[in-house]
Amino acid sequence: MRNISVLIKPASGMCNMRCEYCFYHDEAKNRQVESYGLMSEETLERVVEKALAFSDDSCSFTFQGGEPFLRGLSFFRKAIELQKKYNVKNLRIFNAIQTNGTCIDDKWAEFLKENHFLVGVSLDGTEFTHDSFRVDAGGEGTFLKVMEGIGKLKEYQVDFNILTVVNAVTAKKIPRIYEFYKQNGFRHLQFIPCLNPLGKEAERFRYTLSPEAYGHFLKTLFDLWYNDWKRGSVIHIQQFEEYVKMLLLMPPDVCGMSGICSRQHVVEADGGVYPCDFYVLDEYKLGSLNEVSFEEINKKREQIRFIEESVIKGGKCTACKYAAICRGGCRRHRMPDNYFCISYYGFFDYAICRLEEIAVWHQKNHQTSGNV
């Protein structure tokens, strides 16, 4: 079946925050047009119409930025209206939004709940770690404002998860951060390693995550997570659960863990489509949904061989004993070997037996149908 996931940037890279390590701000500086402004409702309609026409069974829309909330609530109400209008095949439709959390008020929370949005909130741990790099346009920390937004999500019972960037500060403070998250009832967590700017991968910035620091972070976080699992207190950490799934011979849901890029459709505010959020650059543009179909978009993807070029063809990975579970990591981290190679190798040496223990437990308890 042809099902499609679309990542839409309704406000391009515009944001009310100035996070020091923002990868998308860096990407925008490396293309001819830094910002494509606000997506028009006409472009939104073409995206929704073509996505639902292309899909056979289900269709997922994720809104991201920059900060997507800057496009305004009326835009998202229009998105729901258009989804209903063009869902002539009665597809299952899933909506998600990734936000910095600072714009969430009662109206937003009520809308998100009513329309079953899954919300990802960017939060870098405690007030100290978060405010180290996640500041507003005036240079002030945003932690308290984000926590207010999360409070609204809780009040309206909106499903949400927490996304934390692992940087030079958060990596060192993960025991305190993990405890803080548990105290606040955050049970679904994602941790993504911080990226250096394009072309400056070997340089060092205040936020730069070294392979040594990332390896220590993974081991420390895993111990905390495993000990809770042993006690029957389940905290969902996507990365570790994906490793367990792979040990159970299930495909990972995260493309950066599969060893090959997936077929993504990242739609900028002007309707332009790109193959990955890390490659919204002029040379990777696949076309515009204002002009072409998803079939033509995918033909262009094949022409530039974006997916094919992501397959590891050599280097240390091919001979590594953990190749089947590591799979070389995200393409964006390869130079050509993964920048975090020693991090992952040391982590698997440290944790593989316990990951296998968890996999065996799930296998015996017949819990291998989806989530682990």
Protein backbone atom coordinates (compact mmCIF):
# COMPACT_ATOMS: atom_id res chain seq x y z
CA MET A 1 0.00 0.00 0.00
CA ARG A 2 1.10 3.55 -0.74
CA ASN A 3 0.94 5.52 2.48
CA ILE A 4 2.67 8.80 2.95
CA SER A 5 4.12 10.93 5.73
CA VAL A 6 4.47 14.64 5.11
CA LEU A 7 6.49 17.01 7.27
CA ILE A 8 5.21 20.55 6.72
CA LYS A 9 7.01 23.78 7.68
CA PRO A 10 4.14 26.29 7.79
CA ALA A 11 6.37 29.12 9.04
CA SER A 12 9.55 27.97 7.29
CA GLY A 13 12.49 28.48 9.68
CA MET A 14 10.95 31.44 11.49
CA CYS A 15 11.03 31.11 15.26
CA ASN A 16 10.45 33.18 18.38
CA MET A 17 13.51 31.59 19.96
CA ARG A 18 17.23 31.78 19.18
CA CYS A 19 18.59 28.40 20.22
CA GLU A 20 22.34 28.54 19.89
CA TYR A 21 22.64 25.12 18.25
CA CYS A 22 19.60 25.30 15.89
CA PHE A 23 20.39 23.05 12.92
CA TYR A 24 17.59 24.47 10.78
CA HIS A 25 18.82 28.04 11.18
CA ASP A 26 22.19 26.77 10.00
CA GLU A 27 20.62 25.00 7.01
CA ALA A 28 18.74 28.13 6.01
CA LYS A 29 21.98 30.12 5.89
CA ASN A 30 23.35 27.57 3.41
CA ARG A 31 20.70 28.11 0.71
CA GLN A 32 19.79 31.01 -1.55
CA VAL A 33 16.52 31.77 0.27
CA GLU A 34 16.88 31.69 4.04
CA SER A 35 13.16 31.91 4.84
CA TYR A 36 10.17 31.06 2.68
CA GLY A 37 7.84 33.00 4.96
CA LEU A 38 4.40 31.76 5.90
CA MET A 39 2.72 29.00 3.94
CA SER A 40 -0.40 30.18 2.14
CA GLU A 41 -3.69 28.34 2.55
CA GLU A 42 -3.60 27.71 -1.22
CA THR A 43 -0.30 25.84 -0.90
CA LEU A 44 -1.62 23.99 2.15
CA GLU A 45 -4.63 22.86 0.14
CA ARG A 46 -2.46 21.48 -2.66
CA VAL A 47 -0.28 19.60 -0.18
CA VAL A 48 -3.24 18.04 1.63
CA GLU A 49 -5.13 17.21 -1.55
CA LYS A 50 -2.15 15.56 -3.24
CA ALA A 51 -1.05 13.66 -0.12
CA LEU A 52 -4.51 12.16 0.43
CA ALA A 53 -4.87 11.34 -3.26
CA PHE A 54 -1.51 9.54 -3.24
CA SER A 55 -2.15 7.45 -0.12
CA ASP A 56 -4.11 4.19 -0.06
CA ASP A 57 -4.72 3.46 3.62
CA SER A 58 -3.30 6.15 5.91
CA CYS A 59 -1.63 9.55 5.77
CA SER A 60 0.43 11.38 8.39
CA PHE A 61 0.92 15.13 8.64
CA THR A 62 3.61 16.51 10.94
CA PHE A 63 4.01 20.25 11.37
CA GLN A 64 7.45 21.53 12.28
CA GLY A 65 9.64 24.60 11.93
CA GLY A 66 11.18 26.82 12.97
CA GLU A 67 8.18 27.24 15.20
CA PRO A 68 4.98 26.10 13.44
CA PHE A 69 2.68 27.78 15.97
CA LEU A 70 3.75 31.15 14.49
CA ARG A 71 1.51 30.41 11.50
CA GLY A 72 -1.52 30.87 13.74
CA LEU A 73 -4.37 28.69 14.92
CA SER A 74 -6.61 29.55 11.95
CA PHE A 75 -4.12 27.86 9.60
CA PHE A 76 -4.35 24.60 11.53
CA ARG A 77 -8.12 24.78 11.67
CA LYS A 78 -7.98 25.12 7.88
CA ALA A 79 -5.71 22.07 7.70
CA ILE A 80 -8.28 19.96 9.52
CA GLU A 81 -11.03 21.32 7.28
CA LEU A 82 -9.05 20.42 4.16
CA GLN A 83 -8.24 16.95 5.47
CA LYS A 84 -11.95 16.27 5.88
CA LYS A 85 -12.73 17.74 2.47
CA TYR A 86 -10.20 15.66 0.53
CA ASN A 87 -10.36 12.43 2.51
CA VAL A 88 -12.65 10.85 -0.08
CA LYS A 89 -11.07 7.41 0.42
CA ASN A 90 -11.76 7.46 4.16
CA LEU A 91 -8.08 7.12 5.04
CA ARG A 92 -6.75 7.04 8.57
CA ILE A 93 -5.20 10.47 9.16
CA PHE A 94 -2.63 11.21 11.85
CA ASN A 95 -1.56 14.70 12.90
CA ALA A 96 1.48 15.68 14.93
CA ILE A 97 3.27 18.92 15.69
CA GLN A 98 6.75 19.68 17.02
CA THR A 99 6.95 22.88 19.04
CA ASN A 100 9.17 24.78 21.44
CA GLY A 101 6.12 24.98 23.70
CA THR A 102 6.17 28.72 24.34
CA CYS A 103 2.98 29.54 22.41
CA ILE A 104 0.63 26.98 23.95
CA ASP A 105 -2.39 28.55 25.62
CA ASP A 106 -5.94 27.36 26.34
CA LYS A 107 -7.14 27.81 22.76
CA TRP A 108 -4.23 25.89 21.32
CA ALA A 109 -4.48 23.10 23.88
CA GLU A 110 -8.21 22.73 23.30
CA PHE A 111 -7.69 22.52 19.53
CA LEU A 112 -4.88 19.95 19.84
CA LYS A 113 -7.01 17.76 22.10
CA GLU A 114 -10.14 17.98 19.97
CA ASN A 115 -8.23 17.02 16.83
CA HIS A 116 -6.08 14.28 18.39
CA PHE A 117 -2.69 15.86 17.68
CA LEU A 118 0.40 14.21 19.10
CA VAL A 119 2.60 17.04 20.35
CA GLY A 120 6.38 16.93 20.59
CA VAL A 121 7.77 19.55 22.97
CA SER A 122 11.42 20.56 22.84
CA LEU A 123 12.77 20.72 26.39
CA ASP A 124 16.42 20.44 27.36
CA GLY A 125 16.03 19.19 30.89
CA THR A 126 16.08 21.40 33.98
CA GLU A 127 16.01 25.19 34.05
CA PHE A 128 19.80 25.38 34.11
CA THR A 129 20.44 22.97 31.24
CA HIS A 130 17.52 24.22 29.13
CA ASP A 131 18.35 27.90 29.46
CA SER A 132 22.01 27.28 28.63
CA PHE A 133 21.19 27.38 24.90
CA ARG A 134 17.40 27.67 24.43
CA VAL A 135 16.82 31.40 24.74
CA ASP A 136 14.38 33.89 23.22
CA ALA A 137 15.15 36.74 20.82
CA GLY A 138 16.20 38.88 23.78
CA GLY A 139 18.64 36.28 25.06
CA GLU A 140 16.46 35.32 28.02
CA GLY A 141 15.88 31.72 29.07
CA THR A 142 12.62 30.07 28.01
CA PHE A 143 12.33 27.22 30.50
CA LEU A 144 9.49 28.67 32.59
CA LYS A 145 7.45 29.55 29.49
CA VAL A 146 7.90 26.03 28.08
CA MET A 147 6.82 24.47 31.35
CA GLU A 148 3.71 26.68 31.31
CA GLY A 149 2.89 25.32 27.86
CA ILE A 150 3.38 21.74 29.01
CA GLY A 151 1.07 22.51 31.91
CA LYS A 152 -1.65 23.44 29.42
CA LEU A 153 -1.14 20.17 27.54
CA LYS A 154 -1.54 18.27 30.79
CA GLU A 155 -4.62 20.28 31.76
CA TYR A 156 -6.35 19.45 28.49
CA GLN A 157 -5.01 15.87 28.44
CA VAL A 158 -3.18 16.28 25.14
CA ASP A 159 -0.84 13.43 24.21
CA PHE A 160 2.73 14.71 24.15
CA ASN A 161 6.32 13.58 24.32
CA ILE A 162 9.52 15.37 25.23
CA LEU A 163 12.39 15.87 22.77
CA THR A 164 15.75 16.71 24.32
CA VAL A 165 18.88 17.71 22.44
CA VAL A 166 21.97 16.03 23.81
CA ASN A 167 24.65 18.70 23.91
CA ALA A 168 27.76 19.44 25.96
CA VAL A 169 25.64 20.49 28.95
CA THR A 170 22.70 18.08 28.90
CA ALA A 171 25.02 15.10 28.36
CA LYS A 172 26.73 15.76 31.68
CA LYS A 173 23.52 16.36 33.61
CA ILE A 174 21.43 13.42 32.44
CA PRO A 175 20.90 11.83 35.91
CA ARG A 176 19.34 15.07 37.18
CA ILE A 177 17.39 15.57 33.94
CA TYR A 178 16.03 12.02 33.99
CA GLU A 179 14.87 12.41 37.59
CA PHE A 180 13.30 15.77 36.78
CA TYR A 181 11.37 14.23 33.89
CA LYS A 182 10.09 11.41 36.09
CA GLN A 183 9.03 13.86 38.79
CA ASN A 184 6.98 15.74 36.21
CA GLY A 185 5.35 12.62 34.79
CA PHE A 186 7.12 12.74 31.43
CA ARG A 187 6.99 9.11 30.30
CA HIS A 188 7.73 9.39 26.55
CA LEU A 189 11.20 10.73 25.81
CA GLN A 190 13.37 11.27 22.77
CA PHE A 191 17.02 12.25 22.90
CA ILE A 192 18.80 13.43 19.76
CA PRO A 193 22.52 14.26 19.51
CA CYS A 194 23.37 17.88 18.81
CA LEU A 195 24.66 18.76 15.34
CA ASN A 196 27.51 21.09 14.53
CA PRO A 197 26.94 23.54 11.63
CA LEU A 198 27.34 22.25 8.08
CA GLY A 199 30.98 22.29 7.01
CA LYS A 200 32.12 22.83 10.59
CA GLU A 201 31.70 19.32 11.90
CA ALA A 202 35.25 19.16 13.25
CA GLU A 203 35.10 22.51 15.07
CA ARG A 204 34.20 22.99 18.73
CA PHE A 205 31.43 25.25 19.99
CA ARG A 206 30.01 25.74 23.48
CA TYR A 207 27.30 23.19 22.77
CA THR A 208 29.37 20.67 20.77
CA LEU A 209 28.76 17.06 21.79
CA SER A 210 31.97 15.04 21.70
CA PRO A 211 31.87 11.29 20.96
CA GLU A 212 33.28 10.61 24.43
CA ALA A 213 30.57 12.68 26.12
CA TYR A 214 27.84 11.07 24.04
CA GLY A 215 29.09 7.58 24.87
CA HIS A 216 29.05 8.37 28.58
CA PHE A 217 25.58 9.87 28.23
CA LEU A 218 24.20 6.73 26.54
CA LYS A 219 25.59 4.42 29.21
CA THR A 220 24.35 6.58 32.07
CA LEU A 221 20.87 7.02 30.62
CA PHE A 222 20.60 3.33 29.81
CA ASP A 223 21.43 2.36 33.41
CA LEU A 224 18.69 4.66 34.68
CA TRP A 225 16.18 3.37 32.13
CA TYR A 226 17.09 -0.31 32.66
CA ASN A 227 16.84 -0.05 36.43
CA ASP A 228 13.36 1.44 36.12
CA TRP A 229 12.39 -1.32 33.68
CA LYS A 230 13.54 -3.96 36.18
CA ARG A 231 11.32 -2.33 38.80
CA GLY A 232 8.36 -2.38 36.43
CA SER A 233 8.36 1.39 35.98
CA VAL A 234 8.31 1.89 32.23
CA ILE A 235 9.79 5.08 30.80
CA HIS A 236 9.57 5.09 27.02
CA ILE A 237 12.88 6.14 25.50
CA GLN A 238 12.61 5.82 21.75
CA GLN A 239 16.25 5.00 20.98
CA PHE A 240 16.50 2.10 23.43
CA GLU A 241 13.10 0.69 22.46
CA GLU A 242 14.13 0.76 18.81
CA TYR A 243 17.23 -1.30 19.63
CA VAL A 244 15.04 -3.89 21.36
CA LYS A 245 12.74 -4.00 18.32
CA MET A 246 15.70 -4.65 16.03
CA LEU A 247 16.87 -7.50 18.26
CA LEU A 248 13.36 -8.93 17.80
CA LEU A 249 13.89 -8.64 14.01
CA MET A 250 11.36 -5.83 13.73
CA PRO A 251 12.13 -2.83 11.50
CA PRO A 252 12.95 0.39 13.33
CA ASP A 253 10.59 3.34 12.92
CA VAL A 254 13.41 5.90 13.06
CA CYS A 255 15.12 6.31 9.70
CA GLY A 256 18.43 7.31 11.29
CA MET A 257 18.57 3.88 12.92
CA SER A 258 17.72 1.79 9.87
CA GLY A 259 20.99 2.13 7.98
CA ILE A 260 19.32 3.72 4.96
CA CYS A 261 17.36 6.92 4.47
CA SER A 262 13.59 6.54 4.30
CA ARG A 263 11.25 8.11 1.75
CA GLN A 264 10.46 11.40 3.45
CA HIS A 265 8.61 14.44 2.15
CA VAL A 266 9.70 17.65 3.86
CA VAL A 267 7.56 20.51 2.56
CA GLU A 268 8.82 24.07 2.96
CA ALA A 269 6.42 27.00 3.24
CA ASP A 270 6.53 27.69 -0.50
CA GLY A 271 5.54 24.08 -1.34
CA GLY A 272 9.06 22.93 -2.17
CA VAL A 273 9.77 19.32 -1.23
CA TYR A 274 13.05 17.92 0.12
CA PRO A 275 14.11 14.35 1.00
CA CYS A 276 15.08 14.94 4.64
CA ASP A 277 14.84 17.62 7.32
CA PHE A 278 18.65 17.63 7.51
CA TYR A 279 18.93 18.30 3.76
CA VAL A 280 16.52 21.16 3.04
CA LEU A 281 19.15 22.62 0.73
CA ASP A 282 18.91 23.90 -2.84
CA GLU A 283 20.78 20.98 -4.37
CA TYR A 284 18.35 18.46 -2.87
CA LYS A 285 15.06 20.10 -3.88
CA LEU A 286 12.74 17.52 -5.44
CA GLY A 287 10.15 19.90 -6.85
CA SER A 288 7.17 21.92 -5.65
CA LEU A 289 3.73 20.53 -4.82
CA ASN A 290 2.32 23.72 -6.33
CA GLU A 291 3.47 22.36 -9.67
CA VAL A 292 4.04 18.58 -9.58
CA SER A 293 2.63 15.40 -8.04
CA PHE A 294 4.12 13.07 -5.44
CA GLU A 295 4.81 10.60 -8.24
CA GLU A 296 7.02 13.19 -9.94
CA ILE A 297 8.62 14.10 -6.61
CA ASN A 298 9.62 10.47 -6.11
CA LYS A 299 11.01 10.21 -9.65
CA LYS A 300 13.28 13.15 -8.87
CA ARG A 301 14.33 11.44 -5.62
CA GLU A 302 15.39 8.41 -7.65
CA GLN A 303 17.28 10.59 -10.13
CA ILE A 304 19.44 12.19 -7.45
CA ARG A 305 19.79 8.76 -5.76
CA PHE A 306 19.30 10.24 -2.30
CA ILE A 307 18.21 6.97 -0.72
CA GLU A 308 20.66 4.82 -2.65
CA GLU A 309 23.59 7.06 -1.70
CA SER A 310 22.74 6.64 2.00
CA VAL A 311 23.63 2.95 1.99
CA ILE A 312 26.97 2.29 3.68
CA LYS A 313 29.45 1.08 1.08
CA GLY A 314 32.59 0.67 3.14
CA GLY A 315 34.47 1.94 6.15
CA LYS A 316 34.60 0.41 9.60
CA CYS A 317 30.86 -0.30 9.71
CA THR A 318 30.95 -3.23 7.31
CA ALA A 319 33.23 -5.27 9.58
CA CYS A 320 31.75 -4.17 12.90
CA LYS A 321 30.22 -6.82 15.17
CA TYR A 322 27.38 -4.41 16.01
CA ALA A 323 26.57 -3.54 12.40
CA ALA A 324 23.20 -5.29 12.54
CA ILE A 325 21.92 -3.11 15.37
CA CYS A 326 23.91 0.11 14.85
CA ARG A 327 23.59 0.21 11.04
CA GLY A 328 25.92 3.16 10.71
CA GLY A 329 23.61 5.70 12.29
CA CYS A 330 22.17 8.77 10.62
CA ARG A 331 23.61 9.80 7.26
CA ARG A 332 24.07 13.37 8.57
CA HIS A 333 26.62 12.06 11.10
CA ARG A 334 28.79 10.15 8.61
CA MET A 335 32.17 11.58 7.55
CA PRO A 336 32.23 8.83 6.04
CA ASP A 337 32.21 6.76 9.26
CA ASN A 338 29.77 7.90 11.89
CA TYR A 339 31.08 10.76 14.00
CA PHE A 340 29.70 8.94 17.06
CA CYS A 341 31.15 5.54 16.12
CA ILE A 342 33.11 5.09 19.35
CA SER A 343 30.05 6.25 21.31
CA TYR A 344 27.85 3.52 19.87
CA TYR A 345 30.52 0.81 19.97
CA GLY A 346 31.24 1.45 23.63
CA PHE A 347 27.54 1.64 24.42
CA PHE A 348 26.75 -1.71 22.79
CA ASP A 349 29.69 -3.34 24.53
CA TYR A 350 28.21 -2.01 27.77
CA ALA A 351 24.51 -2.65 27.21
CA ILE A 352 23.96 -5.37 24.59
CA CYS A 353 23.41 -8.20 27.09
CA ARG A 354 20.73 -6.23 28.92
CA LEU A 355 19.09 -5.17 25.66
CA GLU A 356 18.94 -8.86 24.70
CA GLU A 357 17.48 -9.65 28.14
CA ILE A 358 14.66 -7.16 27.51
CA ALA A 359 14.10 -8.53 24.00
CA VAL A 360 13.80 -12.08 25.33
CA TRP A 361 11.32 -10.93 27.96
CA HIS A 362 9.14 -9.31 25.30
CA GLN A 363 9.39 -12.38 23.11
CA LYS A 364 8.25 -14.64 25.93
CA ASN A 365 5.42 -12.33 26.82
CA HIS A 366 4.26 -12.06 23.20
CA GLN A 367 4.64 -8.27 23.15
CA THR A 368 6.26 -7.97 19.77
CA SER A 369 3.36 -6.58 17.77
CA GLY A 370 4.43 -2.93 17.71
CA ASN A 371 5.67 -1.08 20.75
CA VAL A 372 8.16 -2.68 23.13
